[in-house]
């Protein structure tokens, strides 16, 4: 079953969807770099993002 992560930034309708958590997180890193370069992907943020991944 695919996994999905919705962008947590208010006003952003971006999302990442893939077959594994690793693929979702790679897409999330790419999204942050392109759409939210001011966002820091520190350990706490990465953990929050991982906790927000759900099955679709």
PDB file of N, CA and C in Angstrom:
ATOM      1  N   UNK A   1       0.848  -1.174   0.000  1.00  0.00           N
ATOM      2  CA  UNK A   1       0.000   0.000   0.000  1.00  0.00           C
ATOM      3  C   UNK A   1       0.897   1.243   0.000  1.00  0.00           C
ATOM      4  N   UNK A   2       0.595   2.224  -0.853  1.00  0.00           N
ATOM      5  CA  UNK A   2       1.430   3.430  -0.920  1.00  0.00           C
ATOM      6  C   UNK A   2       1.412   4.221   0.392  1.00  0.00           C
ATOM      7  N   UNK A   3       2.474   4.953   0.604  1.00  0.00           N
ATOM      8  CA  UNK A   3       2.598   5.831   1.761  1.00  0.00           C
ATOM      9  C   UNK A   3       2.560   7.272   1.285  1.00  0.00           C
ATOM     10  N   UNK A   4       2.034   8.160   2.127  1.00  0.00           N
ATOM     11  CA  UNK A   4       1.895   9.560   1.742  1.00  0.00           C
ATOM     12  C   UNK A   4       2.286  10.456   2.907  1.00  0.00           C
ATOM     13  N   UNK A   5       2.858  11.599   2.559  1.00  0.00           N
ATOM     14  CA  UNK A   5       3.204  12.640   3.521  1.00  0.00           C
ATOM     15  C   UNK A   5       2.733  13.959   2.940  1.00  0.00           C
ATOM     16  N   UNK A   6       1.848  14.644   3.658  1.00  0.00           N
ATOM     17  CA  UNK A   6       1.392  15.967   3.240  1.00  0.00           C
ATOM     18  C   UNK A   6       2.349  17.009   3.796  1.00  0.00           C
ATOM     19  N   UNK A   7       2.646  18.021   2.993  1.00  0.00           N
ATOM     20  CA  UNK A   7       3.533  19.087   3.449  1.00  0.00           C
ATOM     21  C   UNK A   7       2.886  19.794   4.641  1.00  0.00           C
ATOM     22  N   UNK A   8       3.620  19.938   5.751  1.00  0.00           N
ATOM     23  CA  UNK A   8       3.051  20.572   6.944  1.00  0.00           C
ATOM     24  C   UNK A   8       3.065  22.098   6.914  1.00  0.00           C
ATOM     25  N   UNK A   9       3.623  22.697   5.880  1.00  0.00           N
ATOM     26  CA  UNK A   9       3.715  24.153   5.805  1.00  0.00           C
ATOM     27  C   UNK A   9       2.348  24.722   5.434  1.00  0.00           C
ATOM     28  N   UNK A  10       1.847  25.650   6.245  1.00  0.00           N
ATOM     29  CA  UNK A  10       0.554  26.279   5.982  1.00  0.00           C
ATOM     30  C   UNK A  10       0.533  26.892   4.595  1.00  0.00           C
ATOM     31  N   UNK A  11      -0.526  26.598   3.851  1.00  0.00           N
ATOM     32  CA  UNK A  11      -0.689  27.158   2.522  1.00  0.00           C
ATOM     33  C   UNK A  11      -0.028  26.365   1.416  1.00  0.00           C
ATOM     34  N   UNK A  12       0.740  25.347   1.754  1.00  0.00           N
ATOM     35  CA  UNK A  12       1.393  24.521   0.739  1.00  0.00           C
ATOM     36  C   UNK A  12       0.584  23.249   0.560  1.00  0.00           C
ATOM     37  N   UNK A  13       0.220  22.959  -0.684  1.00  0.00           N
ATOM     38  CA  UNK A  13      -0.549  21.746  -0.951  1.00  0.00           C
ATOM     39  C   UNK A  13       0.337  20.614  -1.466  1.00  0.00           C
ATOM     40  N   UNK A  14       1.627  20.733  -1.265  1.00  0.00           N
ATOM     41  CA  UNK A  14       2.559  19.699  -1.698  1.00  0.00           C
ATOM     42  C   UNK A  14       2.415  18.427  -0.886  1.00  0.00           C
ATOM     43  N   UNK A  15       2.758  17.324  -1.516  1.00  0.00           N
ATOM     44  CA  UNK A  15       2.753  16.038  -0.826  1.00  0.00           C
ATOM     45  C   UNK A  15       3.761  15.119  -1.487  1.00  0.00           C
ATOM     46  N   UNK A  16       4.121  14.076  -0.769  1.00  0.00           N
ATOM     47  CA  UNK A  16       5.034  13.057  -1.268  1.00  0.00           C
ATOM     48  C   UNK A  16       4.326  11.723  -1.142  1.00  0.00           C
ATOM     49  N   UNK A  17       4.460  10.899  -2.168  1.00  0.00           N
ATOM     50  CA  UNK A  17       3.818   9.589  -2.140  1.00  0.00           C
ATOM     51  C   UNK A  17       4.731   8.584  -2.812  1.00  0.00           C
ATOM     52  N   UNK A  18       4.925   7.446  -2.149  1.00  0.00           N
ATOM     53  CA  UNK A  18       5.806   6.403  -2.675  1.00  0.00           C
ATOM     54  C   UNK A  18       5.500   5.092  -1.963  1.00  0.00           C
ATOM     55  N   UNK A  19       6.236   4.066  -2.352  1.00  0.00           N
ATOM     56  CA  UNK A  19       6.008   2.738  -1.809  1.00  0.00           C
ATOM     57  C   UNK A  19       6.688   2.460  -0.486  1.00  0.00           C
ATOM     58  N   UNK A  20       7.748   3.230  -0.171  1.00  0.00           N
ATOM     59  CA  UNK A  20       8.467   3.006   1.084  1.00  0.00           C
ATOM     60  C   UNK A  20       8.668   4.331   1.813  1.00  0.00           C
ATOM     61  N   UNK A  21       8.906   4.233   3.120  1.00  0.00           N
ATOM     62  CA  UNK A  21       9.163   5.430   3.913  1.00  0.00           C
ATOM     63  C   UNK A  21      10.419   6.143   3.417  1.00  0.00           C
ATOM     64  N   UNK A  22      11.423   5.379   3.033  1.00  0.00           N
ATOM     65  CA  UNK A  22      12.672   5.975   2.552  1.00  0.00           C
ATOM     66  C   UNK A  22      12.428   6.809   1.293  1.00  0.00           C
ATOM     67  N   UNK A  23      11.615   6.291   0.376  1.00  0.00           N
ATOM     68  CA  UNK A  23      11.308   7.026  -0.854  1.00  0.00           C
ATOM     69  C   UNK A  23      10.500   8.281  -0.552  1.00  0.00           C
ATOM     70  N   UNK A  24       9.550   8.177   0.376  1.00  0.00           N
ATOM     71  CA  UNK A  24       8.760   9.349   0.767  1.00  0.00           C
ATOM     72  C   UNK A  24       9.674  10.412   1.360  1.00  0.00           C
ATOM     73  N   UNK A  25      10.598  10.012   2.229  1.00  0.00           N
ATOM     74  CA  UNK A  25      11.489  10.979   2.860  1.00  0.00           C
ATOM     75  C   UNK A  25      12.450  11.597   1.853  1.00  0.00           C
ATOM     76  N   UNK A  26      12.882  10.858   0.857  1.00  0.00           N
ATOM     77  CA  UNK A  26      13.736  11.429  -0.187  1.00  0.00           C
ATOM     78  C   UNK A  26      12.959  12.489  -0.965  1.00  0.00           C
ATOM     79  N   UNK A  27      11.708  12.189  -1.299  1.00  0.00           N
ATOM     80  CA  UNK A  27      10.867  13.175  -1.979  1.00  0.00           C
ATOM     81  C   UNK A  27      10.657  14.398  -1.089  1.00  0.00           C
ATOM     82  N   UNK A  28      10.481  14.170   0.211  1.00  0.00           N
ATOM     83  CA  UNK A  28      10.286  15.280   1.149  1.00  0.00           C
ATOM     84  C   UNK A  28      11.518  16.182   1.176  1.00  0.00           C
ATOM     85  N   UNK A  29      12.702  15.583   1.191  1.00  0.00           N
ATOM     86  CA  UNK A  29      13.935  16.389   1.169  1.00  0.00           C
ATOM     87  C   UNK A  29      14.001  17.239  -0.103  1.00  0.00           C
ATOM     88  N   UNK A  30      13.653  16.633  -1.228  1.00  0.00           N
ATOM     89  CA  UNK A  30      13.663  17.365  -2.495  1.00  0.00           C
ATOM     90  C   UNK A  30      12.630  18.491  -2.478  1.00  0.00           C
ATOM     91  N   UNK A  31      11.457  18.226  -1.917  1.00  0.00           N
ATOM     92  CA  UNK A  31      10.406  19.246  -1.834  1.00  0.00           C
ATOM     93  C   UNK A  31      10.864  20.412  -0.959  1.00  0.00           C
ATOM     94  N   UNK A  32      11.452  20.107   0.182  1.00  0.00           N
ATOM     95  CA  UNK A  32      11.926  21.162   1.079  1.00  0.00           C
ATOM     96  C   UNK A  32      12.984  22.010   0.385  1.00  0.00           C
ATOM     97  N   UNK A  33      13.924  21.380  -0.294  1.00  0.00           N
ATOM     98  CA  UNK A  33      14.985  22.124  -0.981  1.00  0.00           C
ATOM     99  C   UNK A  33      14.424  23.062  -2.045  1.00  0.00           C
ATOM    100  N   UNK A  34      13.408  22.611  -2.779  1.00  0.00           N
ATOM    101  CA  UNK A  34      12.889  23.428  -3.875  1.00  0.00           C
ATOM    102  C   UNK A  34      11.811  24.415  -3.436  1.00  0.00           C
ATOM    103  N   UNK A  35      10.932  24.019  -2.523  1.00  0.00           N
ATOM    104  CA  UNK A  35       9.790  24.865  -2.166  1.00  0.00           C
ATOM    105  C   UNK A  35       9.966  25.622  -0.854  1.00  0.00           C
ATOM    106  N   UNK A  36      10.784  25.102   0.049  1.00  0.00           N
ATOM    107  CA  UNK A  36      10.941  25.706   1.376  1.00  0.00           C
ATOM    108  C   UNK A  36      12.410  25.722   1.797  1.00  0.00           C
ATOM    109  N   UNK A  37      13.272  26.395   1.039  1.00  0.00           N
ATOM    110  CA  UNK A  37      14.708  26.359   1.343  1.00  0.00           C
ATOM    111  C   UNK A  37      15.055  26.937   2.715  1.00  0.00           C
ATOM    112  N   UNK A  38      14.144  27.720   3.291  1.00  0.00           N
ATOM    113  CA  UNK A  38      14.395  28.290   4.618  1.00  0.00           C
ATOM    114  C   UNK A  38      14.182  27.264   5.731  1.00  0.00           C
ATOM    115  N   UNK A  39      13.523  26.151   5.417  1.00  0.00           N
ATOM    116  CA  UNK A  39      13.237  25.121   6.417  1.00  0.00           C
ATOM    117  C   UNK A  39      14.479  24.270   6.670  1.00  0.00           C
ATOM    118  N   UNK A  40      14.784  24.052   7.944  1.00  0.00           N
ATOM    119  CA  UNK A  40      15.927  23.221   8.310  1.00  0.00           C
ATOM    120  C   UNK A  40      15.441  21.809   8.614  1.00  0.00           C
ATOM    121  N   UNK A  41      16.039  20.841   7.956  1.00  0.00           N
ATOM    122  CA  UNK A  41      15.675  19.443   8.194  1.00  0.00           C
ATOM    123  C   UNK A  41      16.572  18.853   9.279  1.00  0.00           C
ATOM    124  N   UNK A  42      16.385  19.351  10.494  1.00  0.00           N
ATOM    125  CA  UNK A  42      17.148  18.808  11.610  1.00  0.00           C
ATOM    126  C   UNK A  42      16.499  17.504  12.080  1.00  0.00           C
ATOM    127  N   UNK A  43      17.101  16.883  13.058  1.00  0.00           N
ATOM    128  CA  UNK A  43      16.637  15.574  13.527  1.00  0.00           C
ATOM    129  C   UNK A  43      15.183  15.617  14.007  1.00  0.00           C
ATOM    130  N   UNK A  44      14.806  16.670  14.727  1.00  0.00           N
ATOM    131  CA  UNK A  44      13.440  16.783  15.246  1.00  0.00           C
ATOM    132  C   UNK A  44      12.430  16.932  14.114  1.00  0.00           C
ATOM    133  N   UNK A  45      12.762  17.738  13.107  1.00  0.00           N
ATOM    134  CA  UNK A  45      11.860  17.938  11.973  1.00  0.00           C
ATOM    135  C   UNK A  45      11.702  16.653  11.179  1.00  0.00           C
ATOM    136  N   UNK A  46      12.798  15.966  10.926  1.00  0.00           N
ATOM    137  CA  UNK A  46      12.740  14.697  10.197  1.00  0.00           C
ATOM    138  C   UNK A  46      11.876  13.699  10.962  1.00  0.00           C
ATOM    139  N   UNK A  47      12.027  13.650  12.275  1.00  0.00           N
ATOM    140  CA  UNK A  47      11.231  12.739  13.096  1.00  0.00           C
ATOM    141  C   UNK A  47       9.743  13.077  13.003  1.00  0.00           C
ATOM    142  N   UNK A  48       9.406  14.366  13.042  1.00  0.00           N
ATOM    143  CA  UNK A  48       8.010  14.796  12.911  1.00  0.00           C
ATOM    144  C   UNK A  48       7.453  14.396  11.553  1.00  0.00           C
ATOM    145  N   UNK A  49       8.237  14.589  10.510  1.00  0.00           N
ATOM    146  CA  UNK A  49       7.785  14.222   9.171  1.00  0.00           C
ATOM    147  C   UNK A  49       7.555  12.719   9.079  1.00  0.00           C
ATOM    148  N   UNK A  50       8.480  11.943   9.605  1.00  0.00           N
ATOM    149  CA  UNK A  50       8.331  10.485   9.567  1.00  0.00           C
ATOM    150  C   UNK A  50       7.069  10.045  10.310  1.00  0.00           C
ATOM    151  N   UNK A  51       6.772  10.698  11.430  1.00  0.00           N
ATOM    152  CA  UNK A  51       5.576  10.362  12.206  1.00  0.00           C
ATOM    153  C   UNK A  51       4.290  10.744  11.479  1.00  0.00           C
ATOM    154  N   UNK A  52       4.381  11.627  10.486  1.00  0.00           N
ATOM    155  CA  UNK A  52       3.201  12.097   9.756  1.00  0.00           C
ATOM    156  C   UNK A  52       2.910  11.290   8.498  1.00  0.00           C
ATOM    157  N   UNK A  53       3.751  10.324   8.178  1.00  0.00           N
ATOM    158  CA  UNK A  53       3.535   9.477   6.996  1.00  0.00           C
ATOM    159  C   UNK A  53       2.393   8.511   7.289  1.00  0.00           C
ATOM    160  N   UNK A  54       1.502   8.367   6.318  1.00  0.00           N
ATOM    161  CA  UNK A  54       0.364   7.459   6.495  1.00  0.00           C
ATOM    162  C   UNK A  54       0.111   6.662   5.227  1.00  0.00           C
ATOM    163  N   UNK A  55      -0.628   5.555   5.373  1.00  0.00           N
ATOM    164  CA  UNK A  55      -0.967   4.702   4.235  1.00  0.00           C
ATOM    165  C   UNK A  55      -2.162   5.281   3.497  1.00  0.00           C
ATOM    166  N   UNK A  56      -2.130   5.138   2.168  1.00  0.00           N
ATOM    167  CA  UNK A  56      -3.271   5.574   1.343  1.00  0.00           C
ATOM    168  C   UNK A  56      -3.800   4.412   0.531  1.00  0.00           C
TER     169      UNK A  56
END
